[in-house]
Amino acid sequence: MADNSKQPNKLNIELPEEVAEGTYSNLAVISHSQSEFIIDFVRMVPNVPKAKVKSRIIMTPENAKRFLSAMADNIKKFEGQFGAVNGGKDTAPFPMNFNTPKGEA
């Protein structure tokens, strides 16, 4: 007798060591066209007037919507475990003042 039960497809994901270290970002700039969403992950550092894009992700609108849903689900789980995350709609888009003293030579 054949087993007609369906098993979910397994996805084997490789995570290279240099990618596993991650890249820190404290700002994301999101833009879109008719066919894609572009997310630039930026790192701003204190007292440096120019911020650098550290990574760029390009995805289809369908995948962007899936990503949004997955992020919302993960934030909900995080807040359930650790408490509310500050940074709602009433928060400034990104902080520009790191409250650090200017360097002196």
PDB file of N, CA and C in Angstrom:
ATOM      1  N   MET A   1       0.843  -1.181   0.000  1.00  0.00           N
ATOM      2  CA  MET A   1       0.000   0.000   0.000  1.00  0.00           C
ATOM      3  C   MET A   1       0.887   1.242   0.000  1.00  0.00           C
ATOM      4  N   ALA A   2       0.598   2.170  -0.891  1.00  0.00           N
ATOM      5  CA  ALA A   2       1.400   3.382  -1.020  1.00  0.00           C
ATOM      6  C   ALA A   2       1.029   4.374   0.065  1.00  0.00           C
ATOM      7  N   ASP A   3       2.032   5.105   0.533  1.00  0.00           N
ATOM      8  CA  ASP A   3       1.811   6.148   1.529  1.00  0.00           C
ATOM      9  C   ASP A   3       1.391   7.421   0.807  1.00  0.00           C
ATOM     10  N   ASN A   4       0.131   7.816   0.956  1.00  0.00           N
ATOM     11  CA  ASN A   4      -0.402   8.997   0.256  1.00  0.00           C
ATOM     12  C   ASN A   4      -0.290  10.264   1.084  1.00  0.00           C
ATOM     13  N   SER A   5       0.263  10.194   2.304  1.00  0.00           N
ATOM     14  CA  SER A   5       0.396  11.403   3.122  1.00  0.00           C
ATOM     15  C   SER A   5       1.473  12.297   2.521  1.00  0.00           C
ATOM     16  N   LYS A   6       1.184  13.564   2.518  1.00  0.00           N
ATOM     17  CA  LYS A   6       2.132  14.528   1.931  1.00  0.00           C
ATOM     18  C   LYS A   6       3.058  15.054   3.016  1.00  0.00           C
ATOM     19  N   GLN A   7       4.335  15.037   2.737  1.00  0.00           N
ATOM     20  CA  GLN A   7       5.311  15.633   3.634  1.00  0.00           C
ATOM     21  C   GLN A   7       5.687  16.995   3.071  1.00  0.00           C
ATOM     22  N   PRO A   8       5.859  17.991   3.953  1.00  0.00           N
ATOM     23  CA  PRO A   8       6.251  19.311   3.438  1.00  0.00           C
ATOM     24  C   PRO A   8       7.625  19.232   2.769  1.00  0.00           C
ATOM     25  N   ASN A   9       7.764  20.041   1.737  1.00  0.00           N
ATOM     26  CA  ASN A   9       9.065  20.110   1.062  1.00  0.00           C
ATOM     27  C   ASN A   9      10.099  20.668   2.023  1.00  0.00           C
ATOM     28  N   LYS A  10      11.263  20.078   2.003  1.00  0.00           N
ATOM     29  CA  LYS A  10      12.349  20.555   2.851  1.00  0.00           C
ATOM     30  C   LYS A  10      13.261  21.439   2.020  1.00  0.00           C
ATOM     31  N   LEU A  11      13.687  22.522   2.620  1.00  0.00           N
ATOM     32  CA  LEU A  11      14.583  23.455   1.956  1.00  0.00           C
ATOM     33  C   LEU A  11      15.917  23.432   2.677  1.00  0.00           C
ATOM     34  N   ASN A  12      16.954  23.132   1.950  1.00  0.00           N
ATOM     35  CA  ASN A  12      18.292  23.105   2.508  1.00  0.00           C
ATOM     36  C   ASN A  12      18.938  24.460   2.234  1.00  0.00           C
ATOM     37  N   ILE A  13      19.198  25.229   3.284  1.00  0.00           N
ATOM     38  CA  ILE A  13      19.765  26.570   3.137  1.00  0.00           C
ATOM     39  C   ILE A  13      21.205  26.565   3.617  1.00  0.00           C
ATOM     40  N   GLU A  14      22.107  27.020   2.776  1.00  0.00           N
ATOM     41  CA  GLU A  14      23.514  27.119   3.142  1.00  0.00           C
ATOM     42  C   GLU A  14      23.794  28.529   3.646  1.00  0.00           C
ATOM     43  N   LEU A  15      24.495  28.631   4.768  1.00  0.00           N
ATOM     44  CA  LEU A  15      24.854  29.919   5.347  1.00  0.00           C
ATOM     45  C   LEU A  15      26.375  30.003   5.422  1.00  0.00           C
ATOM     46  N   PRO A  16      26.987  30.673   4.410  1.00  0.00           N
ATOM     47  CA  PRO A  16      28.452  30.796   4.428  1.00  0.00           C
ATOM     48  C   PRO A  16      28.930  31.559   5.665  1.00  0.00           C
ATOM     49  N   GLU A  17      30.111  31.225   6.130  1.00  0.00           N
ATOM     50  CA  GLU A  17      30.655  31.805   7.365  1.00  0.00           C
ATOM     51  C   GLU A  17      30.702  33.336   7.312  1.00  0.00           C
ATOM     52  N   GLU A  18      31.118  33.903   6.182  1.00  0.00           N
ATOM     53  CA  GLU A  18      31.240  35.367   6.100  1.00  0.00           C
ATOM     54  C   GLU A  18      29.872  36.044   6.131  1.00  0.00           C
ATOM     55  N   VAL A  19      28.822  35.352   5.700  1.00  0.00           N
ATOM     56  CA  VAL A  19      27.470  35.903   5.761  1.00  0.00           C
ATOM     57  C   VAL A  19      26.888  35.704   7.159  1.00  0.00           C
ATOM     58  N   ALA A  20      27.228  34.599   7.800  1.00  0.00           N
ATOM     59  CA  ALA A  20      26.703  34.271   9.132  1.00  0.00           C
ATOM     60  C   ALA A  20      27.075  35.320  10.168  1.00  0.00           C
ATOM     61  N   GLU A  21      28.191  36.013   9.959  1.00  0.00           N
ATOM     62  CA  GLU A  21      28.605  37.061  10.896  1.00  0.00           C
ATOM     63  C   GLU A  21      27.617  38.217  10.909  1.00  0.00           C
ATOM     64  N   GLY A  22      26.892  38.422   9.836  1.00  0.00           N
ATOM     65  CA  GLY A  22      25.897  39.482   9.759  1.00  0.00           C
ATOM     66  C   GLY A  22      26.513  40.840   9.484  1.00  0.00           C
ATOM     67  N   THR A  23      25.664  41.788   9.172  1.00  0.00           N
ATOM     68  CA  THR A  23      26.068  43.169   8.933  1.00  0.00           C
ATOM     69  C   THR A  23      25.137  44.061   9.729  1.00  0.00           C
ATOM     70  N   TYR A  24      25.684  44.894  10.595  1.00  0.00           N
ATOM     71  CA  TYR A  24      24.868  45.781  11.416  1.00  0.00           C
ATOM     72  C   TYR A  24      24.318  46.929  10.581  1.00  0.00           C
ATOM     73  N   SER A  25      23.036  47.217  10.776  1.00  0.00           N
ATOM     74  CA  SER A  25      22.385  48.342  10.109  1.00  0.00           C
ATOM     75  C   SER A  25      21.470  49.019  11.117  1.00  0.00           C
ATOM     76  N   ASN A  26      21.455  50.357  11.100  1.00  0.00           N
ATOM     77  CA  ASN A  26      20.544  51.071  11.985  1.00  0.00           C
ATOM     78  C   ASN A  26      19.588  51.982  11.207  1.00  0.00           C
ATOM     79  N   LEU A  27      19.492  51.745   9.909  1.00  0.00           N
ATOM     80  CA  LEU A  27      18.561  52.482   9.059  1.00  0.00           C
ATOM     81  C   LEU A  27      18.285  51.666   7.807  1.00  0.00           C
ATOM     82  N   ALA A  28      17.027  51.620   7.389  1.00  0.00           N
ATOM     83  CA  ALA A  28      16.670  50.969   6.136  1.00  0.00           C
ATOM     84  C   ALA A  28      15.935  51.984   5.267  1.00  0.00           C
ATOM     85  N   VAL A  29      16.328  52.073   4.016  1.00  0.00           N
ATOM     86  CA  VAL A  29      15.677  52.953   3.048  1.00  0.00           C
ATOM     87  C   VAL A  29      14.979  52.047   2.038  1.00  0.00           C
ATOM     88  N   ILE A  30      13.673  52.215   1.897  1.00  0.00           N
ATOM     89  CA  ILE A  30      12.890  51.329   1.038  1.00  0.00           C
ATOM     90  C   ILE A  30      12.325  52.116  -0.131  1.00  0.00           C
ATOM     91  N   SER A  31      12.524  51.582  -1.336  1.00  0.00           N
ATOM     92  CA  SER A  31      11.939  52.179  -2.539  1.00  0.00           C
ATOM     93  C   SER A  31      11.363  51.049  -3.377  1.00  0.00           C
ATOM     94  N   HIS A  32      10.595  51.421  -4.398  1.00  0.00           N
ATOM     95  CA  HIS A  32       9.984  50.388  -5.222  1.00  0.00           C
ATOM     96  C   HIS A  32       9.724  50.887  -6.636  1.00  0.00           C
ATOM     97  N   SER A  33       9.600  49.933  -7.531  1.00  0.00           N
ATOM     98  CA  SER A  33       9.140  50.181  -8.891  1.00  0.00           C
ATOM     99  C   SER A  33       7.902  49.313  -9.081  1.00  0.00           C
ATOM    100  N   GLN A  34       7.418  49.231 -10.283  1.00  0.00           N
ATOM    101  CA  GLN A  34       6.239  48.411 -10.555  1.00  0.00           C
ATOM    102  C   GLN A  34       6.529  46.925 -10.320  1.00  0.00           C
ATOM    103  N   SER A  35       7.775  46.522 -10.474  1.00  0.00           N
ATOM    104  CA  SER A  35       8.082  45.094 -10.438  1.00  0.00           C
ATOM    105  C   SER A  35       8.973  44.647  -9.283  1.00  0.00           C
ATOM    106  N   GLU A  36       9.480  45.595  -8.472  1.00  0.00           N
ATOM    107  CA  GLU A  36      10.379  45.168  -7.398  1.00  0.00           C
ATOM    108  C   GLU A  36      10.437  46.176  -6.259  1.00  0.00           C
ATOM    109  N   PHE A  37      10.798  45.660  -5.082  1.00  0.00           N
ATOM    110  CA  PHE A  37      11.082  46.476  -3.914  1.00  0.00           C
ATOM    111  C   PHE A  37      12.577  46.421  -3.675  1.00  0.00           C
ATOM    112  N   ILE A  38      13.145  47.560  -3.315  1.00  0.00           N
ATOM    113  CA  ILE A  38      14.577  47.645  -3.032  1.00  0.00           C
ATOM    114  C   ILE A  38      14.728  48.144  -1.596  1.00  0.00           C
ATOM    115  N   ILE A  39      15.465  47.382  -0.804  1.00  0.00           N
ATOM    116  CA  ILE A  39      15.711  47.757   0.589  1.00  0.00           C
ATOM    117  C   ILE A  39      17.209  47.945   0.758  1.00  0.00           C
ATOM    118  N   ASP A  40      17.612  49.176   1.047  1.00  0.00           N
ATOM    119  CA  ASP A  40      19.013  49.481   1.326  1.00  0.00           C
ATOM    120  C   ASP A  40      19.188  49.544   2.833  1.00  0.00           C
ATOM    121  N   PHE A  41      20.080  48.701   3.345  1.00  0.00           N
ATOM    122  CA  PHE A  41      20.394  48.701   4.765  1.00  0.00           C
ATOM    123  C   PHE A  41      21.633  49.570   4.966  1.00  0.00           C
ATOM    124  N   VAL A  42      21.485  50.586   5.820  1.00  0.00           N
ATOM    125  CA  VAL A  42      22.492  51.631   5.985  1.00  0.00           C
ATOM    126  C   VAL A  42      23.037  51.598   7.407  1.00  0.00           C
ATOM    127  N   ARG A  43      24.297  51.937   7.554  1.00  0.00           N
ATOM    128  CA  ARG A  43      24.891  52.100   8.875  1.00  0.00           C
ATOM    129  C   ARG A  43      25.288  53.552   9.050  1.00  0.00           C
ATOM    130  N   MET A  44      24.665  54.202  10.046  1.00  0.00           N
ATOM    131  CA  MET A  44      25.028  55.570  10.408  1.00  0.00           C
ATOM    132  C   MET A  44      25.923  55.486  11.633  1.00  0.00           C
ATOM    133  N   VAL A  45      26.984  56.280  11.661  1.00  0.00           N
ATOM    134  CA  VAL A  45      27.873  56.300  12.824  1.00  0.00           C
ATOM    135  C   VAL A  45      27.967  57.728  13.356  1.00  0.00           C
ATOM    136  N   PRO A  46      28.252  57.864  14.648  1.00  0.00           N
ATOM    137  CA  PRO A  46      28.300  59.190  15.263  1.00  0.00           C
ATOM    138  C   PRO A  46      29.316  60.112  14.594  1.00  0.00           C
ATOM    139  N   ASN A  47      28.916  61.367  14.461  1.00  0.00           N
ATOM    140  CA  ASN A  47      29.792  62.444  13.991  1.00  0.00           C
ATOM    141  C   ASN A  47      30.355  62.228  12.587  1.00  0.00           C
ATOM    142  N   VAL A  48      29.715  61.384  11.808  1.00  0.00           N
ATOM    143  CA  VAL A  48      30.109  61.171  10.413  1.00  0.00           C
ATOM    144  C   VAL A  48      28.919  61.590   9.562  1.00  0.00           C
ATOM    145  N   PRO A  49      29.087  62.632   8.748  1.00  0.00           N
ATOM    146  CA  PRO A  49      27.944  63.173   8.009  1.00  0.00           C
ATOM    147  C   PRO A  49      27.465  62.291   6.861  1.00  0.00           C
ATOM    148  N   LYS A  50      28.238  61.292   6.489  1.00  0.00           N
ATOM    149  CA  LYS A  50      27.881  60.447   5.362  1.00  0.00           C
ATOM    150  C   LYS A  50      27.653  59.019   5.836  1.00  0.00           C
ATOM    151  N   ALA A  51      26.467  58.475   5.547  1.00  0.00           N
ATOM    152  CA  ALA A  51      26.157  57.098   5.922  1.00  0.00           C
ATOM    153  C   ALA A  51      26.369  56.200   4.703  1.00  0.00           C
ATOM    154  N   LYS A  52      26.747  54.948   4.954  1.00  0.00           N
ATOM    155  CA  LYS A  52      27.027  54.019   3.866  1.00  0.00           C
ATOM    156  C   LYS A  52      25.995  52.915   3.802  1.00  0.00           C
ATOM    157  N   VAL A  53      25.577  52.586   2.574  1.00  0.00           N
ATOM    158  CA  VAL A  53      24.738  51.415   2.360  1.00  0.00           C
ATOM    159  C   VAL A  53      25.632  50.196   2.539  1.00  0.00           C
ATOM    160  N   LYS A  54      25.240  49.316   3.459  1.00  0.00           N
ATOM    161  CA  LYS A  54      26.032  48.130   3.747  1.00  0.00           C
ATOM    162  C   LYS A  54      25.508  46.899   3.003  1.00  0.00           C
ATOM    163  N   SER A  55      24.225  46.926   2.635  1.00  0.00           N
ATOM    164  CA  SER A  55      23.639  45.794   1.928  1.00  0.00           C
ATOM    165  C   SER A  55      22.390  46.266   1.191  1.00  0.00           C
ATOM    166  N   ARG A  56      22.133  45.676   0.038  1.00  0.00           N
ATOM    167  CA  ARG A  56      20.937  45.991  -0.738  1.00  0.00           C
ATOM    168  C   ARG A  56      20.223  44.686  -1.053  1.00  0.00           C
ATOM    169  N   ILE A  57      18.933  44.653  -0.753  1.00  0.00           N
ATOM    170  CA  ILE A  57      18.105  43.487  -1.043  1.00  0.00           C
ATOM    171  C   ILE A  57      17.033  43.917  -2.044  1.00  0.00           C
ATOM    172  N   ILE A  58      16.874  43.135  -3.093  1.00  0.00           N
ATOM    173  CA  ILE A  58      15.868  43.404  -4.125  1.00  0.00           C
ATOM    174  C   ILE A  58      14.920  42.213  -4.148  1.00  0.00           C
ATOM    175  N   MET A  59      13.612  42.485  -4.065  1.00  0.00           N
ATOM    176  CA  MET A  59      12.642  41.390  -4.075  1.00  0.00           C
ATOM    177  C   MET A  59      11.376  41.777  -4.821  1.00  0.00           C
ATOM    178  N   THR A  60      10.622  40.772  -5.214  1.00  0.00           N
ATOM    179  CA  THR A  60       9.356  40.997  -5.905  1.00  0.00           C
ATOM    180  C   THR A  60       8.337  41.559  -4.919  1.00  0.00           C
ATOM    181  N   PRO A  61       7.283  42.218  -5.411  1.00  0.00           N
ATOM    182  CA  PRO A  61       6.239  42.712  -4.508  1.00  0.00           C
ATOM    183  C   PRO A  61       5.609  41.584  -3.675  1.00  0.00           C
ATOM    184  N   GLU A  62       5.422  40.413  -4.277  1.00  0.00           N
ATOM    185  CA  GLU A  62       4.849  39.283  -3.543  1.00  0.00           C
ATOM    186  C   GLU A  62       5.755  38.866  -2.384  1.00  0.00           C
ATOM    187  N   ASN A  63       7.057  38.783  -2.638  1.00  0.00           N
ATOM    188  CA  ASN A  63       7.984  38.414  -1.566  1.00  0.00           C
ATOM    189  C   ASN A  63       8.120  39.525  -0.537  1.00  0.00           C
ATOM    190  N   ALA A  64       8.011  40.781  -0.969  1.00  0.00           N
ATOM    191  CA  ALA A  64       8.063  41.891  -0.017  1.00  0.00           C
ATOM    192  C   ALA A  64       6.875  41.804   0.951  1.00  0.00           C
ATOM    193  N   LYS A  65       5.710  41.448   0.431  1.00  0.00           N
ATOM    194  CA  LYS A  65       4.531  41.325   1.286  1.00  0.00           C
ATOM    195  C   LYS A  65       4.680  40.142   2.248  1.00  0.00           C
ATOM    196  N   ARG A  66       5.244  39.039   1.764  1.00  0.00           N
ATOM    197  CA  ARG A  66       5.518  37.896   2.644  1.00  0.00           C
ATOM    198  C   ARG A  66       6.525  38.292   3.736  1.00  0.00           C
ATOM    199  N   PHE A  67       7.541  39.056   3.347  1.00  0.00           N
ATOM    200  CA  PHE A  67       8.553  39.521   4.305  1.00  0.00           C
ATOM    201  C   PHE A  67       7.898  40.406   5.370  1.00  0.00           C
ATOM    202  N   LEU A  68       7.034  41.327   4.946  1.00  0.00           N
ATOM    203  CA  LEU A  68       6.319  42.202   5.876  1.00  0.00           C
ATOM    204  C   LEU A  68       5.508  41.381   6.872  1.00  0.00           C
ATOM    205  N   SER A  69       4.804  40.383   6.390  1.00  0.00           N
ATOM    206  CA  SER A  69       3.994  39.524   7.253  1.00  0.00           C
ATOM    207  C   SER A  69       4.869  38.756   8.230  1.00  0.00           C
ATOM    208  N   ALA A  70       5.984  38.215   7.747  1.00  0.00           N
ATOM    209  CA  ALA A  70       6.899  37.462   8.608  1.00  0.00           C
ATOM    210  C   ALA A  70       7.513  38.373   9.673  1.00  0.00           C
ATOM    211  N   MET A  71       7.884  39.599   9.299  1.00  0.00           N
ATOM    212  CA  MET A  71       8.445  40.541  10.275  1.00  0.00           C
ATOM    213  C   MET A  71       7.401  40.898  11.335  1.00  0.00           C
ATOM    214  N   ALA A  72       6.158  41.169  10.907  1.00  0.00           N
ATOM    215  CA  ALA A  72       5.098  41.505  11.863  1.00  0.00           C
ATOM    216  C   ALA A  72       4.879  40.352  12.839  1.00  0.00           C
ATOM    217  N   ASP A  73       4.878  39.121  12.341  1.00  0.00           N
ATOM    218  CA  ASP A  73       4.697  37.951  13.189  1.00  0.00           C
ATOM    219  C   ASP A  73       5.849  37.820  14.187  1.00  0.00           C
ATOM    220  N   ASN A  74       7.073  38.029  13.722  1.00  0.00           N
ATOM    221  CA  ASN A  74       8.234  37.912  14.602  1.00  0.00           C
ATOM    222  C   ASN A  74       8.284  39.022  15.643  1.00  0.00           C
ATOM    223  N   ILE A  75       7.891  40.234  15.274  1.00  0.00           N
ATOM    224  CA  ILE A  75       7.864  41.337  16.237  1.00  0.00           C
ATOM    225  C   ILE A  75       6.811  41.059  17.308  1.00  0.00           C
ATOM    226  N   LYS A  76       5.667  40.536  16.896  1.00  0.00           N
ATOM    227  CA  LYS A  76       4.615  40.186  17.861  1.00  0.00           C
ATOM    228  C   LYS A  76       5.133  39.147  18.852  1.00  0.00           C
ATOM    229  N   LYS A  77       5.829  38.123  18.370  1.00  0.00           N
ATOM    230  CA  LYS A  77       6.388  37.092  19.241  1.00  0.00           C
ATOM    231  C   LYS A  77       7.460  37.688  20.162  1.00  0.00           C
ATOM    232  N   PHE A  78       8.316  38.555  19.611  1.00  0.00           N
ATOM    233  CA  PHE A  78       9.369  39.199  20.396  1.00  0.00           C
ATOM    234  C   PHE A  78       8.754  40.010  21.530  1.00  0.00           C
ATOM    235  N   GLU A  79       7.743  40.829  21.201  1.00  0.00           N
ATOM    236  CA  GLU A  79       7.112  41.677  22.211  1.00  0.00           C
ATOM    237  C   GLU A  79       6.387  40.844  23.264  1.00  0.00           C
ATOM    238  N   GLY A  80       5.852  39.699  22.874  1.00  0.00           N
ATOM    239  CA  GLY A  80       5.229  38.811  23.839  1.00  0.00           C
ATOM    240  C   GLY A  80       6.232  38.270  24.837  1.00  0.00           C
ATOM    241  N   GLN A  81       7.465  38.101  24.402  1.00  0.00           N
ATOM    242  CA  GLN A  81       8.505  37.554  25.270  1.00  0.00           C
ATOM    243  C   GLN A  81       9.262  38.636  26.045  1.00  0.00           C
ATOM    244  N   PHE A  82       9.538  39.786  25.384  1.00  0.00           N
ATOM    245  CA  PHE A  82      10.417  40.792  25.975  1.00  0.00           C
ATOM    246  C   PHE A  82       9.749  42.136  26.262  1.00  0.00           C
ATOM    247  N   GLY A  83       8.530  42.345  25.825  1.00  0.00           N
ATOM    248  CA  GLY A  83       7.849  43.621  26.027  1.00  0.00           C
ATOM    249  C   GLY A  83       7.853  44.459  24.761  1.00  0.00           C
ATOM    250  N   ALA A  84       7.095  45.541  24.813  1.00  0.00           N
ATOM    251  CA  ALA A  84       6.888  46.395  23.650  1.00  0.00           C
ATOM    252  C   ALA A  84       8.192  46.996  23.131  1.00  0.00           C
ATOM    253  N   VAL A  85       8.280  47.090  21.819  1.00  0.00           N
ATOM    254  CA  VAL A  85       9.423  47.720  21.158  1.00  0.00           C
ATOM    255  C   VAL A  85       9.036  49.155  20.852  1.00  0.00           C
ATOM    256  N   ASN A  86       9.859  50.102  21.292  1.00  0.00           N
ATOM    257  CA  ASN A  86       9.631  51.507  20.985  1.00  0.00           C
ATOM    258  C   ASN A  86       9.984  51.741  19.518  1.00  0.00           C
ATOM    259  N   GLY A  87       9.259  52.589  18.837  1.00  0.00           N
ATOM    260  CA  GLY A  87       9.578  52.889  17.443  1.00  0.00           C
ATOM    261  C   GLY A  87       8.358  52.865  16.560  1.00  0.00           C
ATOM    262  N   GLY A  88       7.238  53.279  17.097  1.00  0.00           N
ATOM    263  CA  GLY A  88       6.006  53.294  16.328  1.00  0.00           C
ATOM    264  C   GLY A  88       5.934  54.473  15.380  1.00  0.00           C
ATOM    265  N   LYS A  89       4.739  54.729  14.889  1.00  0.00           N
ATOM    266  CA  LYS A  89       4.532  55.790  13.900  1.00  0.00           C
ATOM    267  C   LYS A  89       4.789  57.185  14.460  1.00  0.00           C
ATOM    268  N   ASP A  90       4.714  57.338  15.788  1.00  0.00           N
ATOM    269  CA  ASP A  90       4.936  58.655  16.386  1.00  0.00           C
ATOM    270  C   ASP A  90       6.409  58.928  16.674  1.00  0.00           C
ATOM    271  N   THR A  91       7.281  58.005  16.274  1.00  0.00           N
ATOM    272  CA  THR A  91       8.720  58.163  16.474  1.00  0.00           C
ATOM    273  C   THR A  91       9.349  58.760  15.221  1.00  0.00           C
ATOM    274  N   ALA A  92      10.375  59.591  15.408  1.00  0.00           N
ATOM    275  CA  ALA A  92      11.082  60.175  14.258  1.00  0.00           C
ATOM    276  C   ALA A  92      11.585  59.060  13.348  1.00  0.00           C
ATOM    277  N   PRO A  93      11.652  59.288  12.031  1.00  0.00           N
ATOM    278  CA  PRO A  93      12.045  58.236  11.097  1.00  0.00           C
ATOM    279  C   PRO A  93      13.411  57.624  11.413  1.00  0.00           C
ATOM    280  N   PHE A  94      14.356  58.432  11.806  1.00  0.00           N
ATOM    281  CA  PHE A  94      15.653  57.910  12.219  1.00  0.00           C
ATOM    282  C   PHE A  94      16.361  58.974  13.046  1.00  0.00           C
ATOM    283  N   PRO A  95      17.056  58.548  14.094  1.00  0.00           N
ATOM    284  CA  PRO A  95      17.743  59.526  14.941  1.00  0.00           C
ATOM    285  C   PRO A  95      19.020  60.011  14.267  1.00  0.00           C
ATOM    286  N   MET A  96      19.230  61.288  14.290  1.00  0.00           N
ATOM    287  CA  MET A  96      20.453  61.846  13.714  1.00  0.00           C
ATOM    288  C   MET A  96      21.432  62.280  14.798  1.00  0.00           C
ATOM    289  N   ASN A  97      20.960  62.382  16.046  1.00  0.00           N
ATOM    290  CA  ASN A  97      21.810  62.846  17.125  1.00  0.00           C
ATOM    291  C   ASN A  97      22.198  61.653  18.003  1.00  0.00           C
ATOM    292  N   PHE A  98      23.474  61.289  17.988  1.00  0.00           N
ATOM    293  CA  PHE A  98      23.950  60.179  18.784  1.00  0.00           C
ATOM    294  C   PHE A  98      24.341  60.619  20.193  1.00  0.00           C
ATOM    295  N   ASN A  99      24.229  61.915  20.483  1.00  0.00           N
ATOM    296  CA  ASN A  99      24.591  62.468  21.795  1.00  0.00           C
ATOM    297  C   ASN A  99      26.007  62.108  22.201  1.00  0.00           C
ATOM    298  N   THR A 100      26.909  62.210  21.263  1.00  0.00           N
ATOM    299  CA  THR A 100      28.317  61.972  21.567  1.00  0.00           C
ATOM    300  C   THR A 100      29.078  63.262  21.369  1.00  0.00           C
ATOM    301  N   PRO A 101      30.128  63.470  22.167  1.00  0.00           N
ATOM    302  CA  PRO A 101      30.897  64.709  21.994  1.00  0.00           C
ATOM    303  C   PRO A 101      31.663  64.696  20.675  1.00  0.00           C
ATOM    304  N   LYS A 102      31.856  65.867  20.126  1.00  0.00           N
ATOM    305  CA  LYS A 102      32.670  65.998  18.907  1.00  0.00           C
ATOM    306  C   LYS A 102      34.109  65.687  19.225  1.00  0.00           C
ATOM    307  N   GLY A 103      34.781  65.027  18.307  1.00  0.00           N
ATOM    308  CA  GLY A 103      36.176  64.686  18.517  1.00  0.00           C
ATOM    309  C   GLY A 103      37.050  65.935  18.476  1.00  0.00           C
ATOM    310  N   GLU A 104      38.095  65.941  19.259  1.00  0.00           N
ATOM    311  CA  GLU A 104      39.036  67.042  19.268  1.00  0.00           C
ATOM    312  C   GLU A 104      40.443  66.504  19.079  1.00  0.00           C
ATOM    313  N   ALA A 105      41.236  67.220  18.296  1.00  0.00           N
ATOM    314  CA  ALA A 105      42.616  66.780  18.077  1.00  0.00           C
ATOM    315  C   ALA A 105      43.548  67.506  18.988  1.00  0.00           C
TER     316      ALA A 105
END
